[in-house]
Amino acid sequence: MGVGSIRIDVKSLVADGGTVMIEGVENYRVGGKPFALEVMGAFAIDAEQRITRWRYSYNSYDLKSITDQIEAAGFEVPETV
């Protein structure tokens, strides 16, 4: 079982000079089942329009939803200590 496809739905996109920020939902198919993850990214862009710094995070306050989706795809989620 692996990741079958990925789609990113952009909710917000802002840019100011060399800083770009995005808020969105990454949609995957894992083990044939849908998996959605709310994400936010901040990127630094240089004069040649290359990414020089990439910061990315997901919505960890909803960890139960994430683990439920992983288990529904047929993967075992290890117990936390």
Protein backbone atom coordinates (compact mmCIF):
# COMPACT_ATOMS: atom_id res chain seq x y z
CA MET A 1 0.00 0.00 0.00
CA GLY A 2 1.36 3.36 -0.95
CA VAL A 3 0.38 6.88 -1.88
CA GLY A 4 -1.58 6.77 -5.13
CA SER A 5 -2.13 10.43 -5.93
CA ILE A 6 -1.72 13.88 -4.41
CA ARG A 7 -3.80 17.04 -4.92
CA ILE A 8 -3.29 20.33 -3.08
CA ASP A 9 -6.25 22.66 -2.61
CA VAL A 10 -4.98 26.17 -1.91
CA LYS A 11 -7.08 28.11 0.63
CA SER A 12 -4.83 31.18 0.94
CA LEU A 13 -1.72 32.39 -0.85
CA VAL A 14 0.12 35.60 0.05
CA ALA A 15 3.40 37.06 -1.10
CA ASP A 16 5.45 40.07 -0.06
CA GLY A 17 8.86 40.59 -1.62
CA GLY A 18 10.77 37.35 -1.25
CA THR A 19 8.34 35.72 1.18
CA VAL A 20 5.50 33.46 0.05
CA MET A 21 3.00 31.80 2.39
CA ILE A 22 0.39 29.17 1.56
CA GLU A 23 -2.46 27.60 3.49
CA GLY A 24 -4.11 24.57 2.00
CA VAL A 25 -5.26 20.98 2.15
CA GLU A 26 -3.14 18.15 0.79
CA ASN A 27 -5.37 15.36 -0.49
CA TYR A 28 -3.86 11.90 -0.91
CA ARG A 29 -5.07 8.42 -1.76
CA VAL A 30 -3.36 6.04 0.65
CA GLY A 31 -4.14 2.36 0.33
CA GLY A 32 -6.94 3.37 -2.05
CA LYS A 33 -8.62 5.53 0.58
CA PRO A 34 -8.78 9.37 0.78
CA PHE A 35 -6.50 11.14 3.25
CA ALA A 36 -6.62 14.92 3.84
CA LEU A 37 -4.07 16.99 5.73
CA GLU A 38 -4.36 20.72 6.48
CA VAL A 39 -0.98 22.39 5.90
CA MET A 40 0.75 25.75 5.96
CA GLY A 41 4.01 26.66 4.29
CA ALA A 42 6.31 29.68 4.29
CA PHE A 43 8.99 30.03 1.65
CA ALA A 44 11.87 32.44 1.10
CA ILE A 45 12.54 33.18 -2.58
CA ASP A 46 15.82 34.64 -3.87
CA ALA A 47 16.40 37.05 -6.79
CA GLU A 48 16.61 34.12 -9.24
CA GLN A 49 13.18 32.93 -8.00
CA ARG A 50 14.62 29.86 -6.25
CA ILE A 51 13.34 28.63 -2.90
CA THR A 52 16.09 29.24 -0.35
CA ARG A 53 14.13 28.33 2.77
CA TRP A 54 11.13 26.01 3.10
CA ARG A 55 9.09 25.79 6.31
CA TYR A 56 6.07 23.55 6.34
CA SER A 57 3.72 22.35 9.04
CA TYR A 58 0.48 20.45 9.35
CA ASN A 59 -2.50 20.95 11.59
CA SER A 60 -1.40 18.88 14.60
CA TYR A 61 -4.31 19.94 16.82
CA ASP A 62 -6.42 17.40 14.92
CA LEU A 63 -4.04 14.46 15.41
CA LYS A 64 -6.95 12.05 16.04
CA SER A 65 -8.36 12.75 12.58
CA ILE A 66 -4.93 12.10 11.04
CA THR A 67 -4.41 8.79 12.85
CA ASP A 68 -7.99 7.70 12.04
CA GLN A 69 -7.33 8.30 8.34
CA ILE A 70 -4.05 6.37 8.48
CA GLU A 71 -5.74 3.41 10.17
CA ALA A 72 -8.64 3.50 7.67
CA ALA A 73 -6.05 3.13 4.89
CA GLY A 74 -4.90 -0.11 6.50
CA PHE A 75 -1.78 1.09 8.29
CA GLU A 76 -1.04 0.53 11.96
CA VAL A 77 -0.41 3.64 14.05
CA PRO A 78 2.09 2.94 16.85
CA GLU A 79 1.09 3.75 20.41
CA THR A 80 2.69 6.88 21.85
CA VAL A 81 4.56 6.78 25.11
